[in-house]
PDB file of N, CA and C in Angstrom:
ATOM      1  N   MET A   1     155.746  52.046 216.918  1.00  0.00           N
ATOM      2  CA  MET A   1     154.974  53.144 217.466  1.00  0.00           C
ATOM      3  C   MET A   1     153.547  52.655 217.729  1.00  0.00           C
ATOM      4  N   LEU A   2     153.002  53.079 218.859  1.00  0.00           N
ATOM      5  CA  LEU A   2     151.651  52.673 219.229  1.00  0.00           C
ATOM      6  C   LEU A   2     150.616  53.447 218.432  1.00  0.00           C
ATOM      7  N   ASN A   3     149.535  52.783 218.099  1.00  0.00           N
ATOM      8  CA  ASN A   3     148.430  53.456 217.422  1.00  0.00           C
ATOM      9  C   ASN A   3     147.677  54.311 218.418  1.00  0.00           C
ATOM     10  N   GLN A   4     147.479  55.543 218.125  1.00  0.00           N
ATOM     11  CA  GLN A   4     146.739  56.449 218.974  1.00  0.00           C
ATOM     12  C   GLN A   4     145.276  56.427 218.561  1.00  0.00           C
ATOM     13  N   PRO A   5     144.341  56.378 219.515  1.00  0.00           N
ATOM     14  CA  PRO A   5     142.927  56.402 219.131  1.00  0.00           C
ATOM     15  C   PRO A   5     142.550  57.758 218.551  1.00  0.00           C
ATOM     16  N   ASP A   6     141.522  57.746 217.715  1.00  0.00           N
ATOM     17  CA  ASP A   6     141.038  58.966 217.090  1.00  0.00           C
ATOM     18  C   ASP A   6     140.023  59.691 217.966  1.00  0.00           C
ATOM     19  N   PHE A   7     139.884  59.276 219.219  1.00  0.00           N
ATOM     20  CA  PHE A   7     138.917  59.885 220.117  1.00  0.00           C
ATOM     21  C   PHE A   7     139.566  60.098 221.477  1.00  0.00           C
ATOM     22  N   GLU A   8     138.957  60.967 222.239  1.00  0.00           N
ATOM     23  CA  GLU A   8     139.464  61.258 223.575  1.00  0.00           C
ATOM     24  C   GLU A   8     139.012  60.174 224.537  1.00  0.00           C
ATOM     25  N   ILE A   9     139.923  59.710 225.381  1.00  0.00           N
ATOM     26  CA  ILE A   9     139.587  58.681 226.361  1.00  0.00           C
ATOM     27  C   ILE A   9     138.996  59.372 227.586  1.00  0.00           C
ATOM     28  N   GLY A  10     137.800  58.981 227.955  1.00  0.00           N
ATOM     29  CA  GLY A  10     137.121  59.570 229.099  1.00  0.00           C
ATOM     30  C   GLY A  10     137.351  58.777 230.368  1.00  0.00           C
ATOM     31  N   PRO A  11     136.748  59.211 231.470  1.00  0.00           N
ATOM     32  CA  PRO A  11     136.938  58.551 232.760  1.00  0.00           C
ATOM     33  C   PRO A  11     136.480  57.093 232.766  1.00  0.00           C
ATOM     34  N   MET A  12     135.476  56.769 231.972  1.00  0.00           N
ATOM     35  CA  MET A  12     134.979  55.394 231.948  1.00  0.00           C
ATOM     36  C   MET A  12     136.044  54.450 231.400  1.00  0.00           C
ATOM     37  N   ALA A  13     136.831  54.913 230.437  1.00  0.00           N
ATOM     38  CA  ALA A  13     137.889  54.075 229.877  1.00  0.00           C
ATOM     39  C   ALA A  13     138.935  53.766 230.945  1.00  0.00           C
ATOM     40  N   HIS A  14     139.260  54.745 231.783  1.00  0.00           N
ATOM     41  CA  HIS A  14     140.208  54.504 232.872  1.00  0.00           C
ATOM     42  C   HIS A  14     139.645  53.482 233.852  1.00  0.00           C
ATOM     43  N   PHE A  15     138.374  53.561 234.138  1.00  0.00           N
ATOM     44  CA  PHE A  15     137.736  52.602 235.038  1.00  0.00           C
ATOM     45  C   PHE A  15     137.792  51.210 234.437  1.00  0.00           C
ATOM     46  N   MET A  16     137.509  51.130 233.161  1.00  0.00           N
ATOM     47  CA  MET A  16     137.477  49.834 232.491  1.00  0.00           C
ATOM     48  C   MET A  16     138.872  49.218 232.396  1.00  0.00           C
ATOM     49  N   THR A  17     139.901  50.033 232.324  1.00  0.00           N
ATOM     50  CA  THR A  17     141.259  49.510 232.222  1.00  0.00           C
ATOM     51  C   THR A  17     141.867  49.226 233.595  1.00  0.00           C
ATOM     52  N   GLY A  18     141.192  49.616 234.637  1.00  0.00           N
ATOM     53  CA  GLY A  18     141.690  49.335 235.978  1.00  0.00           C
ATOM     54  C   GLY A  18     142.506  50.454 236.585  1.00  0.00           C
ATOM     55  N   THR A  19     142.675  51.562 235.888  1.00  0.00           N
ATOM     56  CA  THR A  19     143.460  52.668 236.424  1.00  0.00           C
ATOM     57  C   THR A  19     142.852  53.191 237.716  1.00  0.00           C
ATOM     58  N   LYS A  20     141.549  53.339 237.718  1.00  0.00           N
ATOM     59  CA  LYS A  20     140.868  53.842 238.910  1.00  0.00           C
ATOM     60  C   LYS A  20     140.977  52.832 240.047  1.00  0.00           C
ATOM     61  N   ALA A  21     140.859  51.558 239.733  1.00  0.00           N
ATOM     62  CA  ALA A  21     140.973  50.523 240.765  1.00  0.00           C
ATOM     63  C   ALA A  21     142.362  50.544 241.387  1.00  0.00           C
ATOM     64  N   ILE A  22     143.390  50.733 240.564  1.00  0.00           N
ATOM     65  CA  ILE A  22     144.757  50.804 241.079  1.00  0.00           C
ATOM     66  C   ILE A  22     144.915  52.028 241.976  1.00  0.00           C
ATOM     67  N   ALA A  23     144.347  53.144 241.573  1.00  0.00           N
ATOM     68  CA  ALA A  23     144.422  54.355 242.383  1.00  0.00           C
ATOM     69  C   ALA A  23     143.741  54.146 243.724  1.00  0.00           C
ATOM     70  N   GLN A  24     142.625  53.424 243.744  1.00  0.00           N
ATOM     71  CA  GLN A  24     141.907  53.157 244.986  1.00  0.00           C
ATOM     72  C   GLN A  24     142.738  52.281 245.915  1.00  0.00           C
ATOM     73  N   VAL A  25     143.406  51.282 245.359  1.00  0.00           N
ATOM     74  CA  VAL A  25     144.267  50.421 246.175  1.00  0.00           C
ATOM     75  C   VAL A  25     145.381  51.250 246.788  1.00  0.00           C
ATOM     76  N   GLY A  26     145.984  52.130 246.015  1.00  0.00           N
ATOM     77  CA  GLY A  26     147.036  53.002 246.527  1.00  0.00           C
ATOM     78  C   GLY A  26     146.539  53.892 247.651  1.00  0.00           C
ATOM     79  N   ARG A  27     145.327  54.402 247.508  1.00  0.00           N
ATOM     80  CA  ARG A  27     144.739  55.254 248.542  1.00  0.00           C
ATOM     81  C   ARG A  27     144.486  54.445 249.809  1.00  0.00           C
ATOM     82  N   ASN A  28     143.955  53.239 249.645  1.00  0.00           N
ATOM     83  CA  ASN A  28     143.693  52.386 250.812  1.00  0.00           C
ATOM     84  C   ASN A  28     144.977  52.036 251.542  1.00  0.00           C
ATOM     85  N   GLU A  29     146.035  51.738 250.784  1.00  0.00           N
ATOM     86  CA  GLU A  29     147.323  51.431 251.401  1.00  0.00           C
ATOM     87  C   GLU A  29     147.869  52.634 252.152  1.00  0.00           C
ATOM     88  N   ALA A  30     147.719  53.811 251.582  1.00  0.00           N
ATOM     89  CA  ALA A  30     148.194  55.033 252.243  1.00  0.00           C
ATOM     90  C   ALA A  30     147.421  55.281 253.536  1.00  0.00           C
ATOM     91  N   LEU A  31     146.111  55.089 253.496  1.00  0.00           N
ATOM     92  CA  LEU A  31     145.307  55.280 254.705  1.00  0.00           C
ATOM     93  C   LEU A  31     145.660  54.253 255.774  1.00  0.00           C
ATOM     94  N   ALA A  32     145.883  53.008 255.365  1.00  0.00           N
ATOM     95  CA  ALA A  32     146.261  51.959 256.315  1.00  0.00           C
ATOM     96  C   ALA A  32     147.617  52.270 256.947  1.00  0.00           C
ATOM     97  N   ALA A  33     148.546  52.757 256.148  1.00  0.00           N
ATOM     98  CA  ALA A  33     149.873  53.111 256.670  1.00  0.00           C
ATOM     99  C   ALA A  33     149.772  54.274 257.650  1.00  0.00           C
ATOM    100  N   LYS A  34     148.934  55.248 257.335  1.00  0.00           N
ATOM    101  CA  LYS A  34     148.741  56.395 258.228  1.00  0.00           C
ATOM    102  C   LYS A  34     148.142  55.939 259.555  1.00  0.00           C
ATOM    103  N   ALA A  35     147.145  55.067 259.493  1.00  0.00           N
ATOM    104  CA  ALA A  35     146.507  54.566 260.712  1.00  0.00           C
ATOM    105  C   ALA A  35     147.494  53.758 261.546  1.00  0.00           C
ATOM    106  N   ALA A  36     148.309  52.943 260.899  1.00  0.00           N
ATOM    107  CA  ALA A  36     149.306  52.150 261.623  1.00  0.00           C
ATOM    108  C   ALA A  36     150.329  53.049 262.303  1.00  0.00           C
ATOM    109  N   ASP A  37     150.753  54.109 261.617  1.00  0.00           N
ATOM    110  CA  ASP A  37     151.700  55.057 262.200  1.00  0.00           C
ATOM    111  C   ASP A  37     151.085  55.769 263.401  1.00  0.00           C
ATOM    112  N   GLU A  38     149.854  56.227 263.262  1.00  0.00           N
ATOM    113  CA  GLU A  38     149.176  56.905 264.376  1.00  0.00           C
ATOM    114  C   GLU A  38     149.050  55.976 265.579  1.00  0.00           C
ATOM    115  N   THR A  39     148.660  54.742 265.330  1.00  0.00           N
ATOM    116  CA  THR A  39     148.475  53.774 266.411  1.00  0.00           C
ATOM    117  C   THR A  39     149.798  53.495 267.108  1.00  0.00           C
ATOM    118  N   ALA A  40     150.866  53.331 266.347  1.00  0.00           N
ATOM    119  CA  ALA A  40     152.186  53.061 266.936  1.00  0.00           C
ATOM    120  C   ALA A  40     152.664  54.237 267.793  1.00  0.00           C
ATOM    121  N   ARG A  41     152.516  55.452 267.265  1.00  0.00           N
ATOM    122  CA  ARG A  41     152.938  56.633 268.029  1.00  0.00           C
ATOM    123  C   ARG A  41     152.130  56.785 269.305  1.00  0.00           C
ATOM    124  N   CYS A  42     150.839  56.539 269.208  1.00  0.00           N
ATOM    125  CA  CYS A  42     149.959  56.683 270.360  1.00  0.00           C
ATOM    126  C   CYS A  42     150.230  55.584 271.390  1.00  0.00           C
ATOM    127  N   THR A  43     150.497  54.371 270.930  1.00  0.00           N
ATOM    128  CA  THR A  43     150.819  53.277 271.851  1.00  0.00           C
ATOM    129  C   THR A  43     152.066  53.629 272.652  1.00  0.00           C
ATOM    130  N   ALA A  44     153.101  54.100 271.975  1.00  0.00           N
ATOM    131  CA  ALA A  44     154.338  54.492 272.663  1.00  0.00           C
ATOM    132  C   ALA A  44     154.070  55.585 273.686  1.00  0.00           C
ATOM    133  N   TRP A  45     153.221  56.520 273.350  1.00  0.00           N
ATOM    134  CA  TRP A  45     152.857  57.621 274.243  1.00  0.00           C
ATOM    135  C   TRP A  45     152.126  57.095 275.470  1.00  0.00           C
ATOM    136  N   LEU A  46     151.172  56.194 275.258  1.00  0.00           N
ATOM    137  CA  LEU A  46     150.409  55.631 276.376  1.00  0.00           C
ATOM    138  C   LEU A  46     151.270  54.753 277.283  1.00  0.00           C
ATOM    139  N   LEU A  47     152.217  54.026 276.684  1.00  0.00           N
ATOM    140  CA  LEU A  47     153.065  53.135 277.479  1.00  0.00           C
ATOM    141  C   LEU A  47     153.842  53.899 278.547  1.00  0.00           C
ATOM    142  N   LYS A  48     154.212  55.130 278.258  1.00  0.00           N
ATOM    143  CA  LYS A  48     154.927  55.944 279.253  1.00  0.00           C
ATOM    144  C   LYS A  48     154.084  56.160 280.506  1.00  0.00           C
ATOM    145  N   PHE A  49     152.779  56.235 280.343  1.00  0.00           N
ATOM    146  CA  PHE A  49     151.889  56.462 281.476  1.00  0.00           C
ATOM    147  C   PHE A  49     151.534  55.162 282.204  1.00  0.00           C
ATOM    148  N   MET A  50     151.473  54.066 281.465  1.00  0.00           N
ATOM    149  CA  MET A  50     150.988  52.814 282.035  1.00  0.00           C
ATOM    150  C   MET A  50     152.082  51.972 282.689  1.00  0.00           C
ATOM    151  N   ARG A  51     153.329  52.182 282.319  1.00  0.00           N
ATOM    152  CA  ARG A  51     154.423  51.369 282.857  1.00  0.00           C
ATOM    153  C   ARG A  51     154.764  51.784 284.281  1.00  0.00           C
ATOM    154  N   ASN A  52     155.480  50.914 284.952  1.00  0.00           N
ATOM    155  CA  ASN A  52     156.006  51.161 286.304  1.00  0.00           C
ATOM    156  C   ASN A  52     154.916  51.381 287.342  1.00  0.00           C
ATOM    157  N   ASP A  53     153.792  50.704 287.173  1.00  0.00           N
ATOM    158  CA  ASP A  53     152.689  50.765 288.140  1.00  0.00           C
ATOM    159  C   ASP A  53     152.234  52.180 288.480  1.00  0.00           C
ATOM    160  N   GLN A  54     152.325  53.070 287.511  1.00  0.00           N
ATOM    161  CA  GLN A  54     151.861  54.436 287.740  1.00  0.00           C
ATOM    162  C   GLN A  54     150.338  54.437 287.834  1.00  0.00           C
ATOM    163  N   PRO A  55     149.790  55.225 288.762  1.00  0.00           N
ATOM    164  CA  PRO A  55     148.327  55.280 288.883  1.00  0.00           C
ATOM    165  C   PRO A  55     147.711  56.002 287.682  1.00  0.00           C
ATOM    166  N   LYS A  56     146.485  55.636 287.406  1.00  0.00           N
ATOM    167  CA  LYS A  56     145.743  56.291 286.329  1.00  0.00           C
ATOM    168  C   LYS A  56     145.354  57.683 286.810  1.00  0.00           C
ATOM    169  N   PHE A  57     145.820  58.701 286.120  1.00  0.00           N
ATOM    170  CA  PHE A  57     145.601  60.079 286.569  1.00  0.00           C
ATOM    171  C   PHE A  57     144.562  60.825 285.749  1.00  0.00           C
ATOM    172  N   LEU A  58     144.197  60.284 284.584  1.00  0.00           N
ATOM    173  CA  LEU A  58     143.157  60.869 283.747  1.00  0.00           C
ATOM    174  C   LEU A  58     142.229  59.757 283.282  1.00  0.00           C
ATOM    175  N   THR A  59     141.025  60.126 282.906  1.00  0.00           N
ATOM    176  CA  THR A  59     140.114  59.128 282.353  1.00  0.00           C
ATOM    177  C   THR A  59     140.559  58.775 280.937  1.00  0.00           C
ATOM    178  N   LYS A  60     140.015  57.692 280.424  1.00  0.00           N
ATOM    179  CA  LYS A  60     140.315  57.305 279.046  1.00  0.00           C
ATOM    180  C   LYS A  60     139.902  58.425 278.093  1.00  0.00           C
ATOM    181  N   ALA A  61     138.759  59.018 278.311  1.00  0.00           N
ATOM    182  CA  ALA A  61     138.277  60.101 277.439  1.00  0.00           C
ATOM    183  C   ALA A  61     139.227  61.300 277.484  1.00  0.00           C
ATOM    184  N   GLU A  62     139.742  61.626 278.661  1.00  0.00           N
ATOM    185  CA  GLU A  62     140.675  62.747 278.779  1.00  0.00           C
ATOM    186  C   GLU A  62     141.998  62.441 278.085  1.00  0.00           C
ATOM    187  N   LEU A  63     142.481  61.206 278.239  1.00  0.00           N
ATOM    188  CA  LEU A  63     143.710  60.815 277.549  1.00  0.00           C
ATOM    189  C   LEU A  63     143.504  60.800 276.038  1.00  0.00           C
ATOM    190  N   CYS A  64     142.342  60.360 275.614  1.00  0.00           N
ATOM    191  CA  CYS A  64     142.027  60.345 274.181  1.00  0.00           C
ATOM    192  C   CYS A  64     142.056  61.769 273.628  1.00  0.00           C
ATOM    193  N   GLN A  65     141.435  62.689 274.316  1.00  0.00           N
ATOM    194  CA  GLN A  65     141.410  64.075 273.860  1.00  0.00           C
ATOM    195  C   GLN A  65     142.820  64.651 273.809  1.00  0.00           C
ATOM    196  N   ALA A  66     143.623  64.344 274.825  1.00  0.00           N
ATOM    197  CA  ALA A  66     145.007  64.826 274.850  1.00  0.00           C
ATOM    198  C   ALA A  66     145.807  64.243 273.686  1.00  0.00           C
ATOM    199  N   ALA A  67     145.634  62.948 273.424  1.00  0.00           N
ATOM    200  CA  ALA A  67     146.358  62.305 272.322  1.00  0.00           C
ATOM    201  C   ALA A  67     145.927  62.891 270.981  1.00  0.00           C
ATOM    202  N   MET A  68     144.638  63.103 270.810  1.00  0.00           N
ATOM    203  CA  MET A  68     144.142  63.659 269.555  1.00  0.00           C
ATOM    204  C   MET A  68     144.705  65.060 269.329  1.00  0.00           C
ATOM    205  N   THR A  69     144.861  65.823 270.394  1.00  0.00           N
ATOM    206  CA  THR A  69     145.379  67.189 270.288  1.00  0.00           C
ATOM    207  C   THR A  69     146.896  67.201 270.118  1.00  0.00           C
ATOM    208  N   GLU A  70     147.600  66.503 271.006  1.00  0.00           N
ATOM    209  CA  GLU A  70     149.066  66.548 271.009  1.00  0.00           C
ATOM    210  C   GLU A  70     149.699  65.741 269.885  1.00  0.00           C
ATOM    211  N   LEU A  71     149.155  64.558 269.623  1.00  0.00           N
ATOM    212  CA  LEU A  71     149.752  63.661 268.637  1.00  0.00           C
ATOM    213  C   LEU A  71     149.074  63.734 267.271  1.00  0.00           C
ATOM    214  N   GLU A  72     147.951  64.415 267.219  1.00  0.00           N
ATOM    215  CA  GLU A  72     147.155  64.520 265.990  1.00  0.00           C
ATOM    216  C   GLU A  72     146.807  63.136 265.444  1.00  0.00           C
ATOM    217  N   VAL A  73     146.221  62.310 266.317  1.00  0.00           N
ATOM    218  CA  VAL A  73     145.773  60.973 265.934  1.00  0.00           C
ATOM    219  C   VAL A  73     144.251  60.941 265.956  1.00  0.00           C
ATOM    220  N   SER A  74     143.699  59.972 265.264  1.00  0.00           N
ATOM    221  CA  SER A  74     142.247  59.817 265.252  1.00  0.00           C
ATOM    222  C   SER A  74     141.789  59.077 266.501  1.00  0.00           C
ATOM    223  N   LYS A  75     140.505  59.153 266.765  1.00  0.00           N
ATOM    224  CA  LYS A  75     139.938  58.438 267.907  1.00  0.00           C
ATOM    225  C   LYS A  75     140.088  56.931 267.715  1.00  0.00           C
ATOM    226  N   ASN A  76     139.903  56.458 266.489  1.00  0.00           N
ATOM    227  CA  ASN A  76     140.077  55.029 266.214  1.00  0.00           C
ATOM    228  C   ASN A  76     141.508  54.581 266.492  1.00  0.00           C
ATOM    229  N   SER A  77     142.486  55.378 266.079  1.00  0.00           N
ATOM    230  CA  SER A  77     143.884  55.036 266.340  1.00  0.00           C
ATOM    231  C   SER A  77     144.155  55.024 267.835  1.00  0.00           C
ATOM    232  N   PHE A  78     143.580  55.977 268.556  1.00  0.00           N
ATOM    233  CA  PHE A  78     143.751  55.992 270.014  1.00  0.00           C
ATOM    234  C   PHE A  78     143.171  54.723 270.626  1.00  0.00           C
ATOM    235  N   ASN A  79     141.976  54.342 270.208  1.00  0.00           N
ATOM    236  CA  ASN A  79     141.340  53.154 270.783  1.00  0.00           C
ATOM    237  C   ASN A  79     142.153  51.891 270.517  1.00  0.00           C
ATOM    238  N   LEU A  80     142.717  51.751 269.330  1.00  0.00           N
ATOM    239  CA  LEU A  80     143.578  50.608 269.049  1.00  0.00           C
ATOM    240  C   LEU A  80     144.842  50.668 269.901  1.00  0.00           C
ATOM    241  N   ALA A  81     145.406  51.861 270.059  1.00  0.00           N
ATOM    242  CA  ALA A  81     146.601  52.033 270.881  1.00  0.00           C
ATOM    243  C   ALA A  81     146.306  51.725 272.346  1.00  0.00           C
ATOM    244  N   TRP A  82     145.140  52.107 272.817  1.00  0.00           N
ATOM    245  CA  TRP A  82     144.725  51.859 274.200  1.00  0.00           C
ATOM    246  C   TRP A  82     144.737  50.350 274.475  1.00  0.00           C
ATOM    247  N   ILE A  83     144.126  49.592 273.584  1.00  0.00           N
ATOM    248  CA  ILE A  83     144.080  48.137 273.735  1.00  0.00           C
ATOM    249  C   ILE A  83     145.494  47.557 273.696  1.00  0.00           C
ATOM    250  N   SER A  84     146.293  48.004 272.756  1.00  0.00           N
ATOM    251  CA  SER A  84     147.659  47.505 272.610  1.00  0.00           C
ATOM    252  C   SER A  84     148.493  47.799 273.854  1.00  0.00           C
ATOM    253  N   ALA A  85     148.395  49.010 274.381  1.00  0.00           N
ATOM    254  CA  ALA A  85     149.176  49.389 275.560  1.00  0.00           C
ATOM    255  C   ALA A  85     148.754  48.567 276.780  1.00  0.00           C
ATOM    256  N   ILE A  86     147.480  48.341 276.932  1.00  0.00           N
ATOM    257  CA  ILE A  86     146.999  47.524 278.057  1.00  0.00           C
ATOM    258  C   ILE A  86     147.499  46.095 277.915  1.00  0.00           C
ATOM    259  N   GLU A  87     147.443  45.548 276.708  1.00  0.00           N
ATOM    260  CA  GLU A  87     147.940  44.184 276.485  1.00  0.00           C
ATOM    261  C   GLU A  87     149.438  44.085 276.743  1.00  0.00           C
ATOM    262  N   GLN A  88     150.196  45.098 276.323  1.00  0.00           N
ATOM    263  CA  GLN A  88     151.647  45.072 276.503  1.00  0.00           C
ATOM    264  C   GLN A  88     152.057  45.217 277.965  1.00  0.00           C
ATOM    265  N   THR A  89     151.301  45.986 278.722  1.00  0.00           N
ATOM    266  CA  THR A  89     151.675  46.233 280.125  1.00  0.00           C
ATOM    267  C   THR A  89     150.941  45.325 281.096  1.00  0.00           C
ATOM    268  N   GLY A  90     149.850  44.728 280.663  1.00  0.00           N
ATOM    269  CA  GLY A  90     149.033  43.942 281.573  1.00  0.00           C
ATOM    270  C   GLY A  90     148.254  44.790 282.556  1.00  0.00           C
ATOM    271  N   ARG A  91     148.144  46.073 282.269  1.00  0.00           N
ATOM    272  CA  ARG A  91     147.463  47.004 283.173  1.00  0.00           C
ATOM    273  C   ARG A  91     145.967  47.043 282.881  1.00  0.00           C
ATOM    274  N   HIS A  92     145.294  45.970 283.232  1.00  0.00           N
ATOM    275  CA  HIS A  92     143.842  45.881 283.003  1.00  0.00           C
ATOM    276  C   HIS A  92     143.070  46.797 283.953  1.00  0.00           C
ATOM    277  N   ASP A  93     143.752  47.370 284.953  1.00  0.00           N
ATOM    278  CA  ASP A  93     143.101  48.325 285.848  1.00  0.00           C
ATOM    279  C   ASP A  93     142.932  49.692 285.191  1.00  0.00           C
ATOM    280  N   TRP A  94     143.550  49.877 284.046  1.00  0.00           N
ATOM    281  CA  TRP A  94     143.410  51.132 283.322  1.00  0.00           C
ATOM    282  C   TRP A  94     142.134  51.093 282.548  1.00  0.00           C
TER     283      TRP A  94
END
């Protein structure tokens, strides 16, 4: 049986044992996964517009606003998706 301390362990003890650091890593991983998912969904969405030599019908800002509303992605995720879609299609005219 483990010896139980005779005092209450406060938040500083968790920090010193690394519990808080582990929680922060988990949070960072979750945020990174969310951003990657948003970027992937947005890239797929943009590719539909950029493929097959379709003309650009909205500005980047208008497409960004539409993506943020329809796909619920962040502006940063849209910007990464924009670059990815252009690289995948070679549509530098967009």
